[in-house]
Amino acid sequence: MADKKKQKQCILDACRATLRIPAFCNDYDDEIADVIEAARAELVAGGVRPEKATDDDDGRIRLAIKVYVKANFGMDNPDADGFMKSFECMLTSMSGDSLYRAEPRDE
């Protein structure tokens, strides 16, 4: 469990850096963590296997999460639409890749 917490902290640090928030400033960590979890949920909802969506060692997953965070952090982001389009392209690519694709559920 400690490794998972450390891994999540690493993606939090990476997202903080992506947002150009200094490492010493953790005022927004709760909000960033919520957006990270939303990004993971979007990946799974879009067809990425849950175990891949939580694999912070995978560069494509890390990049997709960081792009999603850039699109959804803060209230007045003029670049949000562009970042969301980038995220959606990455999601489409991953959901079509057998390494990432979740198997369809029988219902």
N, C-alpha and C. Protein backbone atom coordinates (compact mmCIF):
# COMPACT_ATOMS: atom_id res chain seq x y z
N MET A 1 0.83 -1.20 0.00
CA MET A 1 0.00 0.00 0.00
C MET A 1 0.86 1.25 0.00
N ALA A 2 1.98 1.21 0.69
CA ALA A 2 2.88 2.37 0.74
C ALA A 2 3.42 2.68 -0.65
N ASP A 3 3.72 1.63 -1.45
CA ASP A 3 4.21 1.85 -2.80
C ASP A 3 3.17 2.54 -3.66
N LYS A 4 1.91 2.15 -3.51
CA LYS A 4 0.84 2.77 -4.29
C LYS A 4 0.69 4.24 -3.92
N LYS A 5 0.80 4.55 -2.63
CA LYS A 5 0.71 5.94 -2.19
C LYS A 5 1.89 6.73 -2.75
N LYS A 6 3.09 6.15 -2.73
CA LYS A 6 4.26 6.82 -3.27
C LYS A 6 4.09 7.05 -4.78
N GLN A 7 3.56 6.04 -5.47
CA GLN A 7 3.34 6.15 -6.90
C GLN A 7 2.35 7.27 -7.20
N LYS A 8 1.27 7.34 -6.42
CA LYS A 8 0.29 8.41 -6.63
C LYS A 8 0.91 9.76 -6.34
N GLN A 9 1.76 9.85 -5.34
CA GLN A 9 2.43 11.11 -5.04
C GLN A 9 3.30 11.54 -6.22
N CYS A 10 3.93 10.58 -6.87
CA CYS A 10 4.77 10.91 -8.01
C CYS A 10 3.95 11.51 -9.14
N ILE A 11 2.79 10.95 -9.44
CA ILE A 11 1.96 11.53 -10.50
C ILE A 11 1.42 12.88 -10.05
N LEU A 12 1.14 13.03 -8.78
CA LEU A 12 0.72 14.33 -8.26
C LEU A 12 1.83 15.36 -8.46
N ASP A 13 3.06 14.98 -8.14
CA ASP A 13 4.20 15.88 -8.35
C ASP A 13 4.35 16.23 -9.83
N ALA A 14 4.19 15.23 -10.69
CA ALA A 14 4.32 15.46 -12.13
C ALA A 14 3.23 16.42 -12.62
N CYS A 15 2.02 16.25 -12.13
CA CYS A 15 0.93 17.14 -12.54
C CYS A 15 1.14 18.55 -11.99
N ARG A 16 1.62 18.65 -10.77
CA ARG A 16 1.91 19.97 -10.21
C ARG A 16 2.95 20.68 -11.08
N ALA A 17 3.98 19.96 -11.49
CA ALA A 17 5.01 20.56 -12.36
C ALA A 17 4.43 20.93 -13.72
N THR A 18 3.55 20.10 -14.26
CA THR A 18 2.90 20.39 -15.54
C THR A 18 2.09 21.67 -15.46
N LEU A 19 1.49 21.90 -14.32
CA LEU A 19 0.69 23.12 -14.11
C LEU A 19 1.55 24.32 -13.73
N ARG A 20 2.86 24.11 -13.66
CA ARG A 20 3.82 25.15 -13.30
C ARG A 20 3.60 25.66 -11.88
N ILE A 21 3.18 24.74 -11.00
CA ILE A 21 3.03 25.05 -9.58
C ILE A 21 4.31 24.59 -8.89
N PRO A 22 4.97 25.47 -8.14
CA PRO A 22 6.23 25.08 -7.50
C PRO A 22 6.06 23.88 -6.57
N ALA A 23 7.11 23.08 -6.47
CA ALA A 23 7.08 21.86 -5.66
C ALA A 23 6.74 22.14 -4.20
N PHE A 24 7.13 23.29 -3.70
CA PHE A 24 6.88 23.60 -2.29
C PHE A 24 5.44 24.02 -2.02
N CYS A 25 4.68 24.28 -3.07
CA CYS A 25 3.30 24.73 -2.91
C CYS A 25 2.36 23.54 -3.05
N ASN A 26 1.75 23.17 -1.95
CA ASN A 26 0.81 22.04 -1.99
C ASN A 26 -0.63 22.48 -1.69
N ASP A 27 -0.90 23.76 -1.87
CA ASP A 27 -2.24 24.29 -1.60
C ASP A 27 -3.31 23.68 -2.49
N TYR A 28 -2.94 23.24 -3.67
CA TYR A 28 -3.91 22.74 -4.64
C TYR A 28 -3.88 21.21 -4.79
N ASP A 29 -3.13 20.54 -3.94
CA ASP A 29 -2.94 19.10 -4.09
C ASP A 29 -4.25 18.31 -4.07
N ASP A 30 -5.18 18.69 -3.20
CA ASP A 30 -6.45 17.96 -3.14
C ASP A 30 -7.22 18.10 -4.45
N GLU A 31 -7.25 19.31 -4.99
CA GLU A 31 -7.95 19.53 -6.26
C GLU A 31 -7.27 18.78 -7.40
N ILE A 32 -5.94 18.84 -7.43
CA ILE A 32 -5.20 18.12 -8.48
C ILE A 32 -5.43 16.63 -8.36
N ALA A 33 -5.42 16.09 -7.14
CA ALA A 33 -5.65 14.66 -6.94
C ALA A 33 -7.03 14.25 -7.42
N ASP A 34 -8.03 15.10 -7.19
CA ASP A 34 -9.38 14.80 -7.68
C ASP A 34 -9.41 14.76 -9.21
N VAL A 35 -8.71 15.68 -9.85
CA VAL A 35 -8.69 15.71 -11.31
C VAL A 35 -7.94 14.49 -11.85
N ILE A 36 -6.89 14.07 -11.16
CA ILE A 36 -6.16 12.85 -11.55
C ILE A 36 -7.10 11.65 -11.50
N GLU A 37 -7.87 11.53 -10.43
CA GLU A 37 -8.81 10.41 -10.32
C GLU A 37 -9.89 10.49 -11.39
N ALA A 38 -10.33 11.70 -11.72
CA ALA A 38 -11.30 11.86 -12.81
C ALA A 38 -10.70 11.42 -14.14
N ALA A 39 -9.43 11.74 -14.36
CA ALA A 39 -8.76 11.32 -15.59
C ALA A 39 -8.71 9.80 -15.67
N ARG A 40 -8.38 9.15 -14.57
CA ARG A 40 -8.34 7.68 -14.56
C ARG A 40 -9.73 7.11 -14.87
N ALA A 41 -10.76 7.70 -14.28
CA ALA A 41 -12.13 7.24 -14.53
C ALA A 41 -12.50 7.43 -16.00
N GLU A 42 -12.09 8.53 -16.60
CA GLU A 42 -12.36 8.77 -18.03
C GLU A 42 -11.63 7.75 -18.90
N LEU A 43 -10.40 7.41 -18.52
CA LEU A 43 -9.66 6.39 -19.28
C LEU A 43 -10.40 5.06 -19.25
N VAL A 44 -10.85 4.66 -18.06
CA VAL A 44 -11.57 3.39 -17.93
C VAL A 44 -12.89 3.45 -18.68
N ALA A 45 -13.63 4.54 -18.52
CA ALA A 45 -14.91 4.69 -19.22
C ALA A 45 -14.72 4.67 -20.74
N GLY A 46 -13.55 5.13 -21.19
CA GLY A 46 -13.27 5.17 -22.62
C GLY A 46 -12.72 3.87 -23.18
N GLY A 47 -12.58 2.84 -22.33
CA GLY A 47 -12.17 1.53 -22.83
C GLY A 47 -10.78 1.07 -22.45
N VAL A 48 -10.08 1.82 -21.60
CA VAL A 48 -8.76 1.40 -21.14
C VAL A 48 -8.94 0.49 -19.92
N ARG A 49 -8.17 -0.60 -19.90
CA ARG A 49 -8.23 -1.52 -18.76
C ARG A 49 -7.92 -0.78 -17.46
N PRO A 50 -8.67 -1.06 -16.39
CA PRO A 50 -8.45 -0.37 -15.11
C PRO A 50 -7.01 -0.50 -14.60
N GLU A 51 -6.41 -1.66 -14.79
CA GLU A 51 -5.04 -1.83 -14.30
C GLU A 51 -4.04 -0.98 -15.10
N LYS A 52 -4.34 -0.71 -16.36
CA LYS A 52 -3.49 0.18 -17.15
C LYS A 52 -3.74 1.64 -16.76
N ALA A 53 -4.97 1.99 -16.49
CA ALA A 53 -5.31 3.37 -16.12
C ALA A 53 -4.64 3.80 -14.82
N THR A 54 -4.24 2.84 -14.01
CA THR A 54 -3.56 3.16 -12.75
C THR A 54 -2.06 2.89 -12.81
N ASP A 55 -1.55 2.59 -13.99
CA ASP A 55 -0.12 2.29 -14.15
C ASP A 55 0.66 3.58 -14.41
N ASP A 56 1.13 4.19 -13.33
CA ASP A 56 1.83 5.46 -13.45
C ASP A 56 3.24 5.32 -14.00
N ASP A 57 3.68 4.11 -14.25
CA ASP A 57 4.98 3.90 -14.88
C ASP A 57 4.86 3.90 -16.40
N ASP A 58 3.65 3.88 -16.92
CA ASP A 58 3.40 3.89 -18.36
C ASP A 58 3.37 5.33 -18.85
N GLY A 59 4.26 5.65 -19.77
CA GLY A 59 4.37 7.02 -20.27
C GLY A 59 3.12 7.55 -20.92
N ARG A 60 2.40 6.69 -21.66
CA ARG A 60 1.17 7.15 -22.32
C ARG A 60 0.10 7.49 -21.29
N ILE A 61 0.01 6.70 -20.24
CA ILE A 61 -0.96 6.96 -19.18
C ILE A 61 -0.60 8.26 -18.47
N ARG A 62 0.68 8.40 -18.10
CA ARG A 62 1.12 9.62 -17.41
C ARG A 62 0.83 10.86 -18.26
N LEU A 63 1.15 10.80 -19.54
CA LEU A 63 0.92 11.95 -20.41
C LEU A 63 -0.57 12.25 -20.53
N ALA A 64 -1.39 11.23 -20.70
CA ALA A 64 -2.84 11.45 -20.81
C ALA A 64 -3.38 12.09 -19.54
N ILE A 65 -2.92 11.64 -18.39
CA ILE A 65 -3.38 12.22 -17.12
C ILE A 65 -2.94 13.68 -17.03
N LYS A 66 -1.70 13.96 -17.38
CA LYS A 66 -1.21 15.34 -17.29
C LYS A 66 -1.98 16.26 -18.25
N VAL A 67 -2.28 15.79 -19.43
CA VAL A 67 -3.05 16.59 -20.39
C VAL A 67 -4.46 16.84 -19.85
N TYR A 68 -5.07 15.80 -19.28
CA TYR A 68 -6.41 15.94 -18.71
C TYR A 68 -6.40 16.95 -17.57
N VAL A 69 -5.37 16.88 -16.74
CA VAL A 69 -5.24 17.82 -15.62
C VAL A 69 -5.10 19.25 -16.15
N LYS A 70 -4.28 19.43 -17.18
CA LYS A 70 -4.12 20.78 -17.76
C LYS A 70 -5.46 21.30 -18.30
N ALA A 71 -6.27 20.42 -18.83
CA ALA A 71 -7.56 20.84 -19.38
C ALA A 71 -8.58 21.17 -18.30
N ASN A 72 -8.48 20.52 -17.15
CA ASN A 72 -9.55 20.60 -16.17
C ASN A 72 -9.18 21.26 -14.85
N PHE A 73 -7.98 21.76 -14.72
CA PHE A 73 -7.58 22.44 -13.49
C PHE A 73 -7.87 23.93 -13.62
N GLY A 74 -8.48 24.48 -12.61
CA GLY A 74 -8.78 25.91 -12.61
C GLY A 74 -10.08 26.20 -13.34
N MET A 75 -10.49 27.44 -13.25
CA MET A 75 -11.80 27.81 -13.77
C MET A 75 -11.74 28.52 -15.13
N ASP A 76 -10.70 29.26 -15.39
CA ASP A 76 -10.66 30.09 -16.58
C ASP A 76 -9.44 29.73 -17.42
N ASN A 77 -9.57 28.63 -18.17
CA ASN A 77 -8.45 28.14 -18.96
C ASN A 77 -8.80 28.23 -20.44
N PRO A 78 -8.22 29.21 -21.15
CA PRO A 78 -8.56 29.36 -22.57
C PRO A 78 -8.08 28.19 -23.44
N ASP A 79 -7.17 27.38 -22.93
CA ASP A 79 -6.64 26.25 -23.70
C ASP A 79 -7.33 24.92 -23.37
N ALA A 80 -8.35 24.96 -22.53
CA ALA A 80 -8.99 23.73 -22.06
C ALA A 80 -9.51 22.86 -23.20
N ASP A 81 -10.16 23.46 -24.17
CA ASP A 81 -10.72 22.68 -25.28
C ASP A 81 -9.64 21.94 -26.06
N GLY A 82 -8.55 22.62 -26.32
CA GLY A 82 -7.45 21.98 -27.05
C GLY A 82 -6.84 20.82 -26.28
N PHE A 83 -6.68 21.01 -24.96
CA PHE A 83 -6.14 19.92 -24.15
C PHE A 83 -7.11 18.74 -24.10
N MET A 84 -8.42 19.02 -24.02
CA MET A 84 -9.39 17.93 -23.99
C MET A 84 -9.40 17.18 -25.32
N LYS A 85 -9.24 17.88 -26.42
CA LYS A 85 -9.17 17.19 -27.72
C LYS A 85 -7.93 16.30 -27.77
N SER A 86 -6.83 16.77 -27.22
CA SER A 86 -5.61 15.95 -27.17
C SER A 86 -5.84 14.71 -26.31
N PHE A 87 -6.47 14.90 -25.16
CA PHE A 87 -6.77 13.77 -24.28
C PHE A 87 -7.65 12.76 -25.01
N GLU A 88 -8.69 13.24 -25.69
CA GLU A 88 -9.60 12.35 -26.40
C GLU A 88 -8.89 11.58 -27.50
N CYS A 89 -7.95 12.22 -28.18
CA CYS A 89 -7.16 11.52 -29.21
C CYS A 89 -6.31 10.42 -28.57
N MET A 90 -5.68 10.74 -27.44
CA MET A 90 -4.88 9.73 -26.74
C MET A 90 -5.75 8.58 -26.27
N LEU A 91 -6.93 8.91 -25.75
CA LEU A 91 -7.85 7.87 -25.29
C LEU A 91 -8.29 6.98 -26.44
N THR A 92 -8.61 7.57 -27.57
CA THR A 92 -9.01 6.78 -28.74
C THR A 92 -7.89 5.85 -29.17
N SER A 93 -6.68 6.36 -29.17
CA SER A 93 -5.52 5.56 -29.54
C SER A 93 -5.32 4.39 -28.57
N MET A 94 -5.40 4.68 -27.29
CA MET A 94 -5.20 3.61 -26.30
C MET A 94 -6.32 2.58 -26.33
N SER A 95 -7.55 3.05 -26.51
CA SER A 95 -8.68 2.09 -26.51
C SER A 95 -8.65 1.18 -27.74
N GLY A 96 -7.92 1.59 -28.77
CA GLY A 96 -7.76 0.74 -29.95
C GLY A 96 -6.53 -0.14 -29.92
N ASP A 97 -5.72 0.00 -28.90
CA ASP A 97 -4.46 -0.74 -28.76
C ASP A 97 -4.69 -1.92 -27.82
N SER A 98 -4.37 -3.11 -28.27
CA SER A 98 -4.63 -4.31 -27.46
C SER A 98 -3.88 -4.30 -26.13
N LEU A 99 -2.82 -3.54 -26.03
CA LEU A 99 -2.08 -3.43 -24.76
C LEU A 99 -2.90 -2.68 -23.71
N TYR A 100 -3.78 -1.81 -24.14
CA TYR A 100 -4.56 -0.97 -23.23
C TYR A 100 -6.04 -1.31 -23.19
N ARG A 101 -6.55 -1.89 -24.26
CA ARG A 101 -7.99 -2.08 -24.43
C ARG A 101 -8.58 -3.04 -23.41
N ALA A 102 -9.67 -2.62 -22.83
CA ALA A 102 -10.44 -3.49 -21.94
C ALA A 102 -11.26 -4.44 -22.79
N GLU A 103 -11.42 -5.64 -22.33
CA GLU A 103 -12.26 -6.61 -23.02
C GLU A 103 -13.72 -6.24 -22.80
N PRO A 104 -14.54 -6.36 -23.82
CA PRO A 104 -15.96 -6.03 -23.66
C PRO A 104 -16.61 -6.97 -22.65
N ARG A 105 -17.50 -6.38 -21.89
CA ARG A 105 -18.23 -7.18 -20.88
C ARG A 105 -19.44 -7.84 -21.52
N ASP A 106 -19.69 -9.10 -21.12
CA ASP A 106 -20.90 -9.79 -21.55
C ASP A 106 -22.03 -9.35 -20.62
N GLU A 107 -23.12 -8.90 -21.21
CA GLU A 107 -24.25 -8.48 -20.38
C GLU A 107 -25.49 -9.18 -20.77
